[in-house]
């Protein structure tokens, strides 16, 4: 347990990073579930062999877009938190 302010701040920002990592894990799992559902329900449209083409088609689905954007936002916030942690 940290005893000074700097140490406590570093500890807190390490916790922020861990929470963002946990959130990203669940965002990625959600993206997998959405993609799987779309591939099962509409295989002609969503089930493609090329990963880049499949991602492009999935990005036309609004829920997938929203969850993906949320994940990108969390990654940005995590980067900012890591920059603060590194500056302490």
N, C-alpha and C. Protein backbone atom coordinates (compact mmCIF):
# COMPACT_ATOMS: atom_id res chain seq x y z
N UNK A 1 0.85 -1.18 0.00
CA UNK A 1 0.00 0.00 0.00
C UNK A 1 0.89 1.24 0.00
N UNK A 2 0.59 2.11 -0.90
CA UNK A 2 1.39 3.33 -1.04
C UNK A 2 1.14 4.26 0.15
N UNK A 3 2.21 4.95 0.57
CA UNK A 3 2.10 5.82 1.73
C UNK A 3 2.06 7.30 1.40
N UNK A 4 2.56 7.67 0.22
CA UNK A 4 2.58 9.10 -0.11
C UNK A 4 1.59 9.39 -1.24
N UNK A 5 1.38 10.66 -1.52
CA UNK A 5 0.39 11.05 -2.53
C UNK A 5 0.76 10.52 -3.91
N UNK A 6 2.02 10.64 -4.28
CA UNK A 6 2.45 10.15 -5.60
C UNK A 6 2.18 8.66 -5.73
N UNK A 7 2.53 7.91 -4.72
CA UNK A 7 2.31 6.47 -4.74
C UNK A 7 0.84 6.11 -4.81
N UNK A 8 0.02 6.85 -4.07
CA UNK A 8 -1.42 6.60 -4.10
C UNK A 8 -2.00 6.91 -5.48
N UNK A 9 -1.52 8.00 -6.07
CA UNK A 9 -1.99 8.34 -7.42
C UNK A 9 -1.60 7.25 -8.42
N UNK A 10 -0.35 6.78 -8.34
CA UNK A 10 0.08 5.72 -9.25
C UNK A 10 -0.78 4.47 -9.05
N UNK A 11 -1.06 4.16 -7.81
CA UNK A 11 -1.90 3.00 -7.50
C UNK A 11 -3.31 3.17 -8.09
N UNK A 12 -3.86 4.37 -7.96
CA UNK A 12 -5.19 4.63 -8.51
C UNK A 12 -5.21 4.53 -10.02
N UNK A 13 -4.19 5.08 -10.69
CA UNK A 13 -4.16 5.02 -12.15
C UNK A 13 -3.86 3.62 -12.65
N UNK A 14 -3.17 2.83 -11.86
CA UNK A 14 -3.01 1.42 -12.22
C UNK A 14 -4.37 0.73 -12.17
N UNK A 15 -5.18 1.08 -11.18
CA UNK A 15 -6.53 0.54 -11.09
C UNK A 15 -7.40 0.99 -12.26
N UNK A 16 -7.25 2.25 -12.67
CA UNK A 16 -7.99 2.75 -13.84
C UNK A 16 -7.62 1.91 -15.07
N UNK A 17 -6.33 1.68 -15.26
CA UNK A 17 -5.87 0.87 -16.40
C UNK A 17 -6.46 -0.54 -16.34
N UNK A 18 -6.45 -1.14 -15.16
CA UNK A 18 -7.00 -2.49 -15.02
C UNK A 18 -8.49 -2.52 -15.34
N UNK A 19 -9.22 -1.48 -14.93
CA UNK A 19 -10.64 -1.42 -15.24
C UNK A 19 -10.88 -1.26 -16.74
N UNK A 20 -10.06 -0.44 -17.39
CA UNK A 20 -10.19 -0.29 -18.84
C UNK A 20 -9.87 -1.60 -19.55
N UNK A 21 -8.86 -2.32 -19.08
CA UNK A 21 -8.52 -3.61 -19.68
C UNK A 21 -9.69 -4.59 -19.55
N UNK A 22 -10.31 -4.59 -18.40
CA UNK A 22 -11.48 -5.45 -18.16
C UNK A 22 -12.61 -5.05 -19.10
N UNK A 23 -12.83 -3.74 -19.25
CA UNK A 23 -13.89 -3.26 -20.14
C UNK A 23 -13.61 -3.66 -21.59
N UNK A 24 -12.37 -3.53 -22.03
CA UNK A 24 -12.03 -3.90 -23.41
C UNK A 24 -12.21 -5.39 -23.65
N UNK A 25 -11.91 -6.19 -22.65
CA UNK A 25 -12.14 -7.64 -22.78
C UNK A 25 -13.61 -7.90 -23.06
N UNK A 26 -14.49 -7.24 -22.34
CA UNK A 26 -15.92 -7.46 -22.51
C UNK A 26 -16.45 -6.82 -23.79
N UNK A 27 -15.88 -5.72 -24.21
CA UNK A 27 -16.24 -5.10 -25.49
C UNK A 27 -15.90 -6.07 -26.62
N UNK A 28 -14.70 -6.64 -26.59
CA UNK A 28 -14.28 -7.57 -27.64
C UNK A 28 -15.15 -8.82 -27.66
N UNK A 29 -15.51 -9.31 -26.49
CA UNK A 29 -16.40 -10.48 -26.42
C UNK A 29 -17.77 -10.12 -27.01
N UNK A 30 -18.24 -8.91 -26.74
CA UNK A 30 -19.53 -8.46 -27.29
C UNK A 30 -19.46 -8.37 -28.81
N UNK A 31 -18.35 -7.85 -29.34
CA UNK A 31 -18.19 -7.79 -30.79
C UNK A 31 -18.20 -9.18 -31.41
N UNK A 32 -17.56 -10.13 -30.74
CA UNK A 32 -17.56 -11.51 -31.23
C UNK A 32 -18.97 -12.07 -31.25
N UNK A 33 -19.74 -11.82 -30.19
CA UNK A 33 -21.11 -12.33 -30.12
C UNK A 33 -22.00 -11.72 -31.19
N UNK A 34 -21.86 -10.42 -31.41
CA UNK A 34 -22.65 -9.74 -32.45
C UNK A 34 -22.29 -10.32 -33.82
N UNK A 35 -20.99 -10.46 -34.09
CA UNK A 35 -20.55 -10.99 -35.38
C UNK A 35 -21.05 -12.40 -35.58
N UNK A 36 -20.96 -13.22 -34.56
CA UNK A 36 -21.42 -14.61 -34.65
C UNK A 36 -22.92 -14.67 -34.96
N UNK A 37 -23.69 -13.85 -34.26
CA UNK A 37 -25.14 -13.82 -34.49
C UNK A 37 -25.46 -13.40 -35.92
N UNK A 38 -24.77 -12.37 -36.40
CA UNK A 38 -25.00 -11.91 -37.77
C UNK A 38 -24.60 -12.97 -38.79
N UNK A 39 -23.48 -13.64 -38.55
CA UNK A 39 -23.03 -14.68 -39.47
C UNK A 39 -23.97 -15.87 -39.50
N UNK A 40 -24.60 -16.16 -38.36
CA UNK A 40 -25.55 -17.27 -38.32
C UNK A 40 -26.90 -16.90 -38.92
N UNK A 41 -27.33 -15.66 -38.71
CA UNK A 41 -28.65 -15.26 -39.19
C UNK A 41 -28.64 -14.85 -40.66
N UNK A 42 -27.53 -14.30 -41.14
CA UNK A 42 -27.42 -13.84 -42.53
C UNK A 42 -26.06 -14.25 -43.10
N UNK A 43 -25.82 -15.55 -43.27
CA UNK A 43 -24.48 -15.99 -43.69
C UNK A 43 -24.05 -15.46 -45.05
N UNK A 44 -24.98 -15.27 -45.97
CA UNK A 44 -24.60 -14.79 -47.31
C UNK A 44 -24.01 -13.39 -47.24
N UNK A 45 -24.48 -12.58 -46.32
CA UNK A 45 -24.01 -11.19 -46.22
C UNK A 45 -22.79 -11.05 -45.31
N UNK A 46 -22.79 -11.75 -44.18
CA UNK A 46 -21.79 -11.49 -43.15
C UNK A 46 -20.67 -12.52 -43.04
N UNK A 47 -20.87 -13.72 -43.57
CA UNK A 47 -19.84 -14.76 -43.41
C UNK A 47 -18.92 -14.76 -44.62
N UNK A 48 -17.76 -14.13 -44.47
CA UNK A 48 -16.79 -14.01 -45.55
C UNK A 48 -15.46 -14.60 -45.12
N UNK A 49 -14.70 -15.09 -46.10
CA UNK A 49 -13.40 -15.69 -45.81
C UNK A 49 -12.33 -14.64 -45.50
N UNK A 50 -12.39 -13.51 -46.17
CA UNK A 50 -11.40 -12.44 -45.98
C UNK A 50 -11.75 -11.64 -44.72
N UNK A 51 -10.82 -11.59 -43.78
CA UNK A 51 -11.07 -10.91 -42.49
C UNK A 51 -11.36 -9.43 -42.67
N UNK A 52 -10.62 -8.77 -43.56
CA UNK A 52 -10.84 -7.33 -43.77
C UNK A 52 -12.20 -7.07 -44.39
N UNK A 53 -12.60 -7.90 -45.34
CA UNK A 53 -13.91 -7.74 -45.97
C UNK A 53 -15.02 -8.02 -44.96
N UNK A 54 -14.82 -9.03 -44.12
CA UNK A 54 -15.82 -9.35 -43.10
C UNK A 54 -15.97 -8.19 -42.12
N UNK A 55 -14.86 -7.59 -41.70
CA UNK A 55 -14.91 -6.45 -40.78
C UNK A 55 -15.62 -5.26 -41.42
N UNK A 56 -15.35 -5.03 -42.71
CA UNK A 56 -16.00 -3.93 -43.42
C UNK A 56 -17.51 -4.13 -43.48
N UNK A 57 -17.94 -5.35 -43.73
CA UNK A 57 -19.38 -5.63 -43.79
C UNK A 57 -20.00 -5.53 -42.40
N UNK A 58 -19.32 -6.01 -41.39
CA UNK A 58 -19.83 -5.92 -40.02
C UNK A 58 -19.99 -4.46 -39.60
N UNK A 59 -19.10 -3.60 -40.08
CA UNK A 59 -19.16 -2.18 -39.72
C UNK A 59 -20.37 -1.46 -40.34
N UNK A 60 -21.12 -2.14 -41.20
CA UNK A 60 -22.35 -1.56 -41.72
C UNK A 60 -23.51 -1.77 -40.76
N UNK A 61 -23.32 -2.63 -39.77
CA UNK A 61 -24.37 -2.94 -38.79
C UNK A 61 -24.26 -1.94 -37.62
N UNK A 62 -25.31 -1.18 -37.33
CA UNK A 62 -25.22 -0.09 -36.34
C UNK A 62 -24.79 -0.54 -34.93
N UNK A 63 -25.27 -1.65 -34.45
CA UNK A 63 -24.89 -2.10 -33.11
C UNK A 63 -23.40 -2.42 -33.06
N UNK A 64 -22.91 -3.09 -34.08
CA UNK A 64 -21.49 -3.41 -34.16
C UNK A 64 -20.67 -2.12 -34.19
N UNK A 65 -21.12 -1.16 -35.00
CA UNK A 65 -20.43 0.14 -35.08
C UNK A 65 -20.35 0.81 -33.71
N UNK A 66 -21.46 0.82 -33.00
CA UNK A 66 -21.51 1.48 -31.70
C UNK A 66 -20.60 0.83 -30.67
N UNK A 67 -20.62 -0.50 -30.62
CA UNK A 67 -19.77 -1.21 -29.66
C UNK A 67 -18.31 -1.03 -30.03
N UNK A 68 -18.02 -1.06 -31.32
CA UNK A 68 -16.63 -0.85 -31.78
C UNK A 68 -16.16 0.56 -31.40
N UNK A 69 -17.01 1.56 -31.61
CA UNK A 69 -16.66 2.94 -31.25
C UNK A 69 -16.44 3.07 -29.75
N UNK A 70 -17.27 2.40 -28.96
CA UNK A 70 -17.09 2.42 -27.51
C UNK A 70 -15.73 1.85 -27.14
N UNK A 71 -15.35 0.74 -27.76
CA UNK A 71 -14.04 0.14 -27.51
C UNK A 71 -12.90 1.07 -27.88
N UNK A 72 -13.04 1.76 -29.00
CA UNK A 72 -12.00 2.71 -29.42
C UNK A 72 -11.89 3.87 -28.43
N UNK A 73 -13.03 4.32 -27.93
CA UNK A 73 -13.02 5.40 -26.93
C UNK A 73 -12.35 4.95 -25.64
N UNK A 74 -12.63 3.73 -25.23
CA UNK A 74 -12.01 3.20 -24.01
C UNK A 74 -10.50 3.07 -24.20
N UNK A 75 -10.07 2.62 -25.39
CA UNK A 75 -8.63 2.53 -25.67
C UNK A 75 -7.97 3.91 -25.57
N UNK A 76 -8.65 4.93 -26.06
CA UNK A 76 -8.12 6.30 -25.99
C UNK A 76 -8.00 6.75 -24.55
N UNK A 77 -9.05 6.52 -23.76
CA UNK A 77 -9.02 6.90 -22.35
C UNK A 77 -7.93 6.14 -21.60
N UNK A 78 -7.75 4.87 -21.93
CA UNK A 78 -6.71 4.07 -21.29
C UNK A 78 -5.34 4.63 -21.61
N UNK A 79 -5.14 5.06 -22.86
CA UNK A 79 -3.87 5.67 -23.23
C UNK A 79 -3.61 6.95 -22.45
N UNK A 80 -4.64 7.75 -22.28
CA UNK A 80 -4.49 8.98 -21.49
C UNK A 80 -4.15 8.65 -20.03
N UNK A 81 -4.83 7.66 -19.47
CA UNK A 81 -4.55 7.27 -18.09
C UNK A 81 -3.12 6.75 -17.96
N UNK A 82 -2.66 6.00 -18.95
CA UNK A 82 -1.28 5.49 -18.92
C UNK A 82 -0.27 6.63 -19.03
N UNK A 83 -0.59 7.66 -19.81
CA UNK A 83 0.30 8.82 -19.92
C UNK A 83 0.40 9.54 -18.57
N UNK A 84 -0.72 9.67 -17.89
CA UNK A 84 -0.70 10.29 -16.55
C UNK A 84 0.12 9.45 -15.60
N UNK A 85 -0.11 8.13 -15.63
CA UNK A 85 0.63 7.21 -14.76
C UNK A 85 2.14 7.35 -15.01
N UNK A 86 2.52 7.41 -16.28
CA UNK A 86 3.95 7.49 -16.62
C UNK A 86 4.54 8.83 -16.18
N UNK A 87 3.73 9.87 -16.12
CA UNK A 87 4.22 11.19 -15.72
C UNK A 87 4.38 11.31 -14.21
N UNK A 88 3.78 10.42 -13.45
CA UNK A 88 3.84 10.52 -11.99
C UNK A 88 5.17 10.04 -11.45
